[in-house]
Amino acid sequence: MTRLLVEHAEPPITRYREPVPIVQGTADTTVPPVTARETAAALAAAGTRVTYTPYAGVDHRSLPVTALDQVNAWLDGRLAR
């Protein structure tokens, strides 16, 4: 799985200058939680600053609303610079 992630990942597994937030619903069946965790770990291992936040019991469709405050706060912090 990790090899597939590195070879076919979107976004590519590399070091990014800017931090990358990853939010994940633990009940997501569209993007399995293990995929998000492995992506976060691979990006971090490549030198990217990653914030991984799992949302317990949240599925793929509910995640945007559930994580909205966190994502907005992250964007506000990035855009205020």
PDB file of N, CA and C in Angstrom:
ATOM      1  N   MET A   1       0.821  -1.193   0.000  1.00  0.00           N
ATOM      2  CA  MET A   1       0.000   0.000   0.000  1.00  0.00           C
ATOM      3  C   MET A   1       0.867   1.259   0.000  1.00  0.00           C
ATOM      4  N   THR A   2       1.909   1.296   0.818  1.00  0.00           N
ATOM      5  CA  THR A   2       2.756   2.480   0.889  1.00  0.00           C
ATOM      6  C   THR A   2       3.433   2.739  -0.458  1.00  0.00           C
ATOM      7  N   ARG A   3       3.907   1.689  -1.133  1.00  0.00           N
ATOM      8  CA  ARG A   3       4.536   1.847  -2.442  1.00  0.00           C
ATOM      9  C   ARG A   3       3.540   2.430  -3.440  1.00  0.00           C
ATOM     10  N   LEU A   4       2.310   1.948  -3.432  1.00  0.00           N
ATOM     11  CA  LEU A   4       1.279   2.485  -4.321  1.00  0.00           C
ATOM     12  C   LEU A   4       1.013   3.952  -4.024  1.00  0.00           C
ATOM     13  N   LEU A   5       0.992   4.295  -2.739  1.00  0.00           N
ATOM     14  CA  LEU A   5       0.788   5.688  -2.355  1.00  0.00           C
ATOM     15  C   LEU A   5       1.872   6.584  -2.931  1.00  0.00           C
ATOM     16  N   VAL A   6       3.100   6.163  -2.795  1.00  0.00           N
ATOM     17  CA  VAL A   6       4.218   6.981  -3.251  1.00  0.00           C
ATOM     18  C   VAL A   6       4.206   7.116  -4.774  1.00  0.00           C
ATOM     19  N   GLU A   7       3.874   6.035  -5.472  1.00  0.00           N
ATOM     20  CA  GLU A   7       3.921   6.053  -6.931  1.00  0.00           C
ATOM     21  C   GLU A   7       2.711   6.724  -7.575  1.00  0.00           C
ATOM     22  N   HIS A   8       1.546   6.658  -6.918  1.00  0.00           N
ATOM     23  CA  HIS A   8       0.314   7.126  -7.555  1.00  0.00           C
ATOM     24  C   HIS A   8      -0.463   8.142  -6.734  1.00  0.00           C
ATOM     25  N   ALA A   9       0.144   8.708  -5.758  1.00  0.00           N
ATOM     26  CA  ALA A   9      -0.571   9.598  -4.841  1.00  0.00           C
ATOM     27  C   ALA A   9      -0.961  10.910  -5.497  1.00  0.00           C
ATOM     28  N   GLU A  10      -2.085  11.402  -5.081  1.00  0.00           N
ATOM     29  CA  GLU A  10      -2.550  12.752  -5.415  1.00  0.00           C
ATOM     30  C   GLU A  10      -2.827  13.421  -4.083  1.00  0.00           C
ATOM     31  N   PRO A  11      -2.122  14.348  -3.600  1.00  0.00           N
ATOM     32  CA  PRO A  11      -0.953  14.988  -4.198  1.00  0.00           C
ATOM     33  C   PRO A  11       0.256  14.063  -4.130  1.00  0.00           C
ATOM     34  N   PRO A  12       1.253  14.313  -4.960  1.00  0.00           N
ATOM     35  CA  PRO A  12       2.463  13.483  -4.921  1.00  0.00           C
ATOM     36  C   PRO A  12       3.124  13.540  -3.543  1.00  0.00           C
ATOM     37  N   ILE A  13       3.722  12.423  -3.156  1.00  0.00           N
ATOM     38  CA  ILE A  13       4.433  12.360  -1.882  1.00  0.00           C
ATOM     39  C   ILE A  13       5.801  13.008  -2.086  1.00  0.00           C
ATOM     40  N   THR A  14       5.952  14.176  -1.508  1.00  0.00           N
ATOM     41  CA  THR A  14       7.196  14.933  -1.619  1.00  0.00           C
ATOM     42  C   THR A  14       7.243  15.924  -0.459  1.00  0.00           C
ATOM     43  N   ARG A  15       8.301  16.681  -0.369  1.00  0.00           N
ATOM     44  CA  ARG A  15       8.378  17.720   0.655  1.00  0.00           C
ATOM     45  C   ARG A  15       7.758  18.993   0.097  1.00  0.00           C
ATOM     46  N   TYR A  16       6.751  19.489   0.788  1.00  0.00           N
ATOM     47  CA  TYR A  16       6.120  20.749   0.419  1.00  0.00           C
ATOM     48  C   TYR A  16       6.603  21.837   1.374  1.00  0.00           C
ATOM     49  N   ARG A  17       6.803  23.041   0.848  1.00  0.00           N
ATOM     50  CA  ARG A  17       7.255  24.158   1.685  1.00  0.00           C
ATOM     51  C   ARG A  17       6.184  24.578   2.673  1.00  0.00           C
ATOM     52  N   GLU A  18       4.951  24.521   2.251  1.00  0.00           N
ATOM     53  CA  GLU A  18       3.832  24.942   3.096  1.00  0.00           C
ATOM     54  C   GLU A  18       3.257  23.743   3.848  1.00  0.00           C
ATOM     55  N   PRO A  19       2.694  23.981   5.020  1.00  0.00           N
ATOM     56  CA  PRO A  19       2.093  22.884   5.773  1.00  0.00           C
ATOM     57  C   PRO A  19       0.856  22.325   5.055  1.00  0.00           C
ATOM     58  N   VAL A  20       0.564  21.071   5.325  1.00  0.00           N
ATOM     59  CA  VAL A  20      -0.560  20.387   4.694  1.00  0.00           C
ATOM     60  C   VAL A  20      -1.500  19.856   5.786  1.00  0.00           C
ATOM     61  N   PRO A  21      -2.760  20.315   5.785  1.00  0.00           N
ATOM     62  CA  PRO A  21      -3.722  19.748   6.724  1.00  0.00           C
ATOM     63  C   PRO A  21      -4.435  18.562   6.075  1.00  0.00           C
ATOM     64  N   ILE A  22      -4.653  17.516   6.846  1.00  0.00           N
ATOM     65  CA  ILE A  22      -5.439  16.374   6.374  1.00  0.00           C
ATOM     66  C   ILE A  22      -6.496  16.105   7.428  1.00  0.00           C
ATOM     67  N   VAL A  23      -7.759  16.157   7.010  1.00  0.00           N
ATOM     68  CA  VAL A  23      -8.868  15.815   7.899  1.00  0.00           C
ATOM     69  C   VAL A  23      -9.503  14.536   7.362  1.00  0.00           C
ATOM     70  N   GLN A  24      -9.935  13.674   8.271  1.00  0.00           N
ATOM     71  CA  GLN A  24     -10.428  12.361   7.870  1.00  0.00           C
ATOM     72  C   GLN A  24     -11.529  11.893   8.803  1.00  0.00           C
ATOM     73  N   GLY A  25     -12.608  11.432   8.230  1.00  0.00           N
ATOM     74  CA  GLY A  25     -13.659  10.799   9.019  1.00  0.00           C
ATOM     75  C   GLY A  25     -13.323   9.341   9.237  1.00  0.00           C
ATOM     76  N   THR A  26     -13.437   8.880  10.458  1.00  0.00           N
ATOM     77  CA  THR A  26     -13.088   7.485  10.740  1.00  0.00           C
ATOM     78  C   THR A  26     -14.115   6.501  10.184  1.00  0.00           C
ATOM     79  N   ALA A  27     -15.296   6.987   9.810  1.00  0.00           N
ATOM     80  CA  ALA A  27     -16.320   6.123   9.209  1.00  0.00           C
ATOM     81  C   ALA A  27     -16.364   6.279   7.690  1.00  0.00           C
ATOM     82  N   ASP A  28     -15.346   6.895   7.118  1.00  0.00           N
ATOM     83  CA  ASP A  28     -15.292   7.131   5.674  1.00  0.00           C
ATOM     84  C   ASP A  28     -15.040   5.815   4.948  1.00  0.00           C
ATOM     85  N   THR A  29     -15.926   5.472   4.012  1.00  0.00           N
ATOM     86  CA  THR A  29     -15.725   4.276   3.190  1.00  0.00           C
ATOM     87  C   THR A  29     -15.311   4.652   1.768  1.00  0.00           C
ATOM     88  N   THR A  30     -15.282   5.947   1.453  1.00  0.00           N
ATOM     89  CA  THR A  30     -14.836   6.410   0.137  1.00  0.00           C
ATOM     90  C   THR A  30     -13.316   6.537   0.109  1.00  0.00           C
ATOM     91  N   VAL A  31     -12.769   7.208   1.117  1.00  0.00           N
ATOM     92  CA  VAL A  31     -11.320   7.294   1.315  1.00  0.00           C
ATOM     93  C   VAL A  31     -11.045   6.620   2.656  1.00  0.00           C
ATOM     94  N   PRO A  32     -10.562   5.388   2.639  1.00  0.00           N
ATOM     95  CA  PRO A  32     -10.347   4.669   3.894  1.00  0.00           C
ATOM     96  C   PRO A  32      -9.407   5.431   4.828  1.00  0.00           C
ATOM     97  N   PRO A  33      -9.725   5.445   6.122  1.00  0.00           N
ATOM     98  CA  PRO A  33      -8.866   6.143   7.083  1.00  0.00           C
ATOM     99  C   PRO A  33      -7.398   5.718   7.010  1.00  0.00           C
ATOM    100  N   VAL A  34      -7.140   4.464   6.747  1.00  0.00           N
ATOM    101  CA  VAL A  34      -5.744   4.014   6.665  1.00  0.00           C
ATOM    102  C   VAL A  34      -5.014   4.736   5.540  1.00  0.00           C
ATOM    103  N   THR A  35      -5.701   5.049   4.452  1.00  0.00           N
ATOM    104  CA  THR A  35      -5.079   5.769   3.343  1.00  0.00           C
ATOM    105  C   THR A  35      -4.671   7.171   3.768  1.00  0.00           C
ATOM    106  N   ALA A  36      -5.551   7.856   4.471  1.00  0.00           N
ATOM    107  CA  ALA A  36      -5.228   9.209   4.946  1.00  0.00           C
ATOM    108  C   ALA A  36      -4.085   9.178   5.953  1.00  0.00           C
ATOM    109  N   ARG A  37      -4.108   8.215   6.867  1.00  0.00           N
ATOM    110  CA  ARG A  37      -3.025   8.105   7.858  1.00  0.00           C
ATOM    111  C   ARG A  37      -1.686   7.832   7.175  1.00  0.00           C
ATOM    112  N   GLU A  38      -1.680   6.910   6.207  1.00  0.00           N
ATOM    113  CA  GLU A  38      -0.435   6.570   5.511  1.00  0.00           C
ATOM    114  C   GLU A  38       0.051   7.745   4.654  1.00  0.00           C
ATOM    115  N   THR A  39      -0.877   8.478   4.064  1.00  0.00           N
ATOM    116  CA  THR A  39      -0.491   9.656   3.290  1.00  0.00           C
ATOM    117  C   THR A  39       0.138  10.702   4.198  1.00  0.00           C
ATOM    118  N   ALA A  40      -0.484  10.947   5.340  1.00  0.00           N
ATOM    119  CA  ALA A  40       0.063  11.913   6.303  1.00  0.00           C
ATOM    120  C   ALA A  40       1.452  11.485   6.763  1.00  0.00           C
ATOM    121  N   ALA A  41       1.619  10.198   7.064  1.00  0.00           N
ATOM    122  CA  ALA A  41       2.920   9.700   7.519  1.00  0.00           C
ATOM    123  C   ALA A  41       3.973   9.813   6.413  1.00  0.00           C
ATOM    124  N   ALA A  42       3.592   9.493   5.183  1.00  0.00           N
ATOM    125  CA  ALA A  42       4.548   9.562   4.072  1.00  0.00           C
ATOM    126  C   ALA A  42       4.955  11.010   3.780  1.00  0.00           C
ATOM    127  N   LEU A  43       3.990  11.920   3.819  1.00  0.00           N
ATOM    128  CA  LEU A  43       4.322  13.337   3.620  1.00  0.00           C
ATOM    129  C   LEU A  43       5.245  13.837   4.727  1.00  0.00           C
ATOM    130  N   ALA A  44       4.951  13.468   5.963  1.00  0.00           N
ATOM    131  CA  ALA A  44       5.800  13.874   7.088  1.00  0.00           C
ATOM    132  C   ALA A  44       7.211  13.298   6.943  1.00  0.00           C
ATOM    133  N   ALA A  45       7.299  12.047   6.526  1.00  0.00           N
ATOM    134  CA  ALA A  45       8.608  11.423   6.339  1.00  0.00           C
ATOM    135  C   ALA A  45       9.394  12.108   5.231  1.00  0.00           C
ATOM    136  N   ALA A  46       8.688  12.699   4.270  1.00  0.00           N
ATOM    137  CA  ALA A  46       9.349  13.426   3.178  1.00  0.00           C
ATOM    138  C   ALA A  46       9.757  14.839   3.595  1.00  0.00           C
ATOM    139  N   GLY A  47       9.362  15.244   4.803  1.00  0.00           N
ATOM    140  CA  GLY A  47       9.763  16.552   5.314  1.00  0.00           C
ATOM    141  C   GLY A  47       8.677  17.613   5.294  1.00  0.00           C
ATOM    142  N   THR A  48       7.451  17.229   4.970  1.00  0.00           N
ATOM    143  CA  THR A  48       6.341  18.172   4.959  1.00  0.00           C
ATOM    144  C   THR A  48       5.745  18.281   6.352  1.00  0.00           C
ATOM    145  N   ARG A  49       5.397  19.497   6.756  1.00  0.00           N
ATOM    146  CA  ARG A  49       4.692  19.682   8.028  1.00  0.00           C
ATOM    147  C   ARG A  49       3.228  19.320   7.799  1.00  0.00           C
ATOM    148  N   VAL A  50       2.782  18.262   8.461  1.00  0.00           N
ATOM    149  CA  VAL A  50       1.432  17.735   8.258  1.00  0.00           C
ATOM    150  C   VAL A  50       0.656  17.789   9.561  1.00  0.00           C
ATOM    151  N   THR A  51      -0.589  18.229   9.457  1.00  0.00           N
ATOM    152  CA  THR A  51      -1.520  18.128  10.583  1.00  0.00           C
ATOM    153  C   THR A  51      -2.603  17.148  10.158  1.00  0.00           C
ATOM    154  N   TYR A  52      -2.686  16.024  10.854  1.00  0.00           N
ATOM    155  CA  TYR A  52      -3.687  14.995  10.550  1.00  0.00           C
ATOM    156  C   TYR A  52      -4.721  15.006  11.664  1.00  0.00           C
ATOM    157  N   THR A  53      -5.987  15.210  11.302  1.00  0.00           N
ATOM    158  CA  THR A  53      -7.055  15.243  12.298  1.00  0.00           C
ATOM    159  C   THR A  53      -8.146  14.246  11.919  1.00  0.00           C
ATOM    160  N   PRO A  54      -8.290  13.174  12.705  1.00  0.00           N
ATOM    161  CA  PRO A  54      -9.392  12.245  12.465  1.00  0.00           C
ATOM    162  C   PRO A  54     -10.654  12.710  13.198  1.00  0.00           C
ATOM    163  N   TYR A  55     -11.783  12.515  12.576  1.00  0.00           N
ATOM    164  CA  TYR A  55     -13.076  12.844  13.178  1.00  0.00           C
ATOM    165  C   TYR A  55     -13.834  11.542  13.405  1.00  0.00           C
ATOM    166  N   ALA A  56     -13.974  11.177  14.666  1.00  0.00           N
ATOM    167  CA  ALA A  56     -14.584   9.896  15.042  1.00  0.00           C
ATOM    168  C   ALA A  56     -16.026   9.786  14.548  1.00  0.00           C
ATOM    169  N   GLY A  57     -16.315   8.680  13.867  1.00  0.00           N
ATOM    170  CA  GLY A  57     -17.666   8.376  13.430  1.00  0.00           C
ATOM    171  C   GLY A  57     -18.164   9.178  12.240  1.00  0.00           C
ATOM    172  N   VAL A  58     -17.341  10.017  11.657  1.00  0.00           N
ATOM    173  CA  VAL A  58     -17.760  10.885  10.554  1.00  0.00           C
ATOM    174  C   VAL A  58     -17.466  10.185   9.223  1.00  0.00           C
ATOM    175  N   ASP A  59     -18.437  10.252   8.308  1.00  0.00           N
ATOM    176  CA  ASP A  59     -18.246   9.645   6.994  1.00  0.00           C
ATOM    177  C   ASP A  59     -17.793  10.691   5.977  1.00  0.00           C
ATOM    178  N   HIS A  60     -17.606  10.258   4.740  1.00  0.00           N
ATOM    179  CA  HIS A  60     -17.070  11.122   3.681  1.00  0.00           C
ATOM    180  C   HIS A  60     -17.977  12.315   3.398  1.00  0.00           C
ATOM    181  N   ARG A  61     -19.268  12.086   3.348  1.00  0.00           N
ATOM    182  CA  ARG A  61     -20.210  13.161   3.019  1.00  0.00           C
ATOM    183  C   ARG A  61     -20.349  14.187   4.133  1.00  0.00           C
ATOM    184  N   SER A  62     -20.202  13.758   5.374  1.00  0.00           N
ATOM    185  CA  SER A  62     -20.369  14.658   6.524  1.00  0.00           C
ATOM    186  C   SER A  62     -19.096  15.418   6.878  1.00  0.00           C
ATOM    187  N   LEU A  63     -17.968  14.947   6.395  1.00  0.00           N
ATOM    188  CA  LEU A  63     -16.686  15.537   6.792  1.00  0.00           C
ATOM    189  C   LEU A  63     -16.559  17.026   6.469  1.00  0.00           C
ATOM    190  N   PRO A  64     -16.936  17.493   5.276  1.00  0.00           N
ATOM    191  CA  PRO A  64     -16.759  18.928   4.990  1.00  0.00           C
ATOM    192  C   PRO A  64     -17.461  19.835   6.003  1.00  0.00           C
ATOM    193  N   VAL A  65     -18.656  19.471   6.417  1.00  0.00           N
ATOM    194  CA  VAL A  65     -19.384  20.289   7.395  1.00  0.00           C
ATOM    195  C   VAL A  65     -18.757  20.145   8.773  1.00  0.00           C
ATOM    196  N   THR A  66     -18.380  18.921   9.126  1.00  0.00           N
ATOM    197  CA  THR A  66     -17.806  18.663  10.444  1.00  0.00           C
ATOM    198  C   THR A  66     -16.464  19.366  10.622  1.00  0.00           C
ATOM    199  N   ALA A  67     -15.650  19.364   9.594  1.00  0.00           N
ATOM    200  CA  ALA A  67     -14.295  19.934   9.684  1.00  0.00           C
ATOM    201  C   ALA A  67     -14.231  21.394   9.245  1.00  0.00           C
ATOM    202  N   LEU A  68     -15.360  21.985   8.907  1.00  0.00           N
ATOM    203  CA  LEU A  68     -15.375  23.334   8.340  1.00  0.00           C
ATOM    204  C   LEU A  68     -14.671  24.366   9.223  1.00  0.00           C
ATOM    205  N   ASP A  69     -14.951  24.380  10.517  1.00  0.00           N
ATOM    206  CA  ASP A  69     -14.322  25.363  11.397  1.00  0.00           C
ATOM    207  C   ASP A  69     -12.807  25.202  11.423  1.00  0.00           C
ATOM    208  N   GLN A  70     -12.338  23.963  11.490  1.00  0.00           N
ATOM    209  CA  GLN A  70     -10.890  23.724  11.508  1.00  0.00           C
ATOM    210  C   GLN A  70     -10.253  24.156  10.188  1.00  0.00           C
ATOM    211  N   VAL A  71     -10.868  23.794   9.082  1.00  0.00           N
ATOM    212  CA  VAL A  71     -10.318  24.152   7.775  1.00  0.00           C
ATOM    213  C   VAL A  71     -10.336  25.672   7.581  1.00  0.00           C
ATOM    214  N   ASN A  72     -11.422  26.320   7.976  1.00  0.00           N
ATOM    215  CA  ASN A  72     -11.480  27.781   7.864  1.00  0.00           C
ATOM    216  C   ASN A  72     -10.415  28.453   8.718  1.00  0.00           C
ATOM    217  N   ALA A  73     -10.204  27.963   9.934  1.00  0.00           N
ATOM    218  CA  ALA A  73      -9.170  28.530  10.809  1.00  0.00           C
ATOM    219  C   ALA A  73      -7.791  28.342  10.184  1.00  0.00           C
ATOM    220  N   TRP A  74      -7.552  27.184   9.590  1.00  0.00           N
ATOM    221  CA  TRP A  74      -6.270  26.938   8.937  1.00  0.00           C
ATOM    222  C   TRP A  74      -6.089  27.897   7.759  1.00  0.00           C
ATOM    223  N   LEU A  75      -7.122  28.046   6.940  1.00  0.00           N
ATOM    224  CA  LEU A  75      -7.039  28.965   5.803  1.00  0.00           C
ATOM    225  C   LEU A  75      -6.836  30.398   6.254  1.00  0.00           C
ATOM    226  N   ASP A  76      -7.566  30.818   7.281  1.00  0.00           N
ATOM    227  CA  ASP A  76      -7.407  32.183   7.804  1.00  0.00           C
ATOM    228  C   ASP A  76      -5.962  32.414   8.239  1.00  0.00           C
ATOM    229  N   GLY A  77      -5.380  31.446   8.902  1.00  0.00           N
ATOM    230  CA  GLY A  77      -3.999  31.557   9.343  1.00  0.00           C
ATOM    231  C   GLY A  77      -3.011  31.648   8.195  1.00  0.00           C
ATOM    232  N   ARG A  78      -3.277  30.917   7.128  1.00  0.00           N
ATOM    233  CA  ARG A  78      -2.392  30.925   5.965  1.00  0.00           C
ATOM    234  C   ARG A  78      -2.540  32.217   5.178  1.00  0.00           C
ATOM    235  N   LEU A  79      -3.774  32.674   5.005  1.00  0.00           N
ATOM    236  CA  LEU A  79      -4.027  33.848   4.181  1.00  0.00           C
ATOM    237  C   LEU A  79      -3.690  35.160   4.897  1.00  0.00           C
ATOM    238  N   ALA A  80      -3.629  35.133   6.218  1.00  0.00           N
ATOM    239  CA  ALA A  80      -3.345  36.347   6.985  1.00  0.00           C
ATOM    240  C   ALA A  80      -1.854  36.703   6.937  1.00  0.00           C
ATOM    241  N   ARG A  81      -1.029  35.819   6.456  1.00  0.00           N
ATOM    242  CA  ARG A  81       0.424  36.062   6.453  1.00  0.00           C
ATOM    243  C   ARG A  81       0.832  37.082   5.453  1.00  0.00           C
TER     244      ARG A  81
END
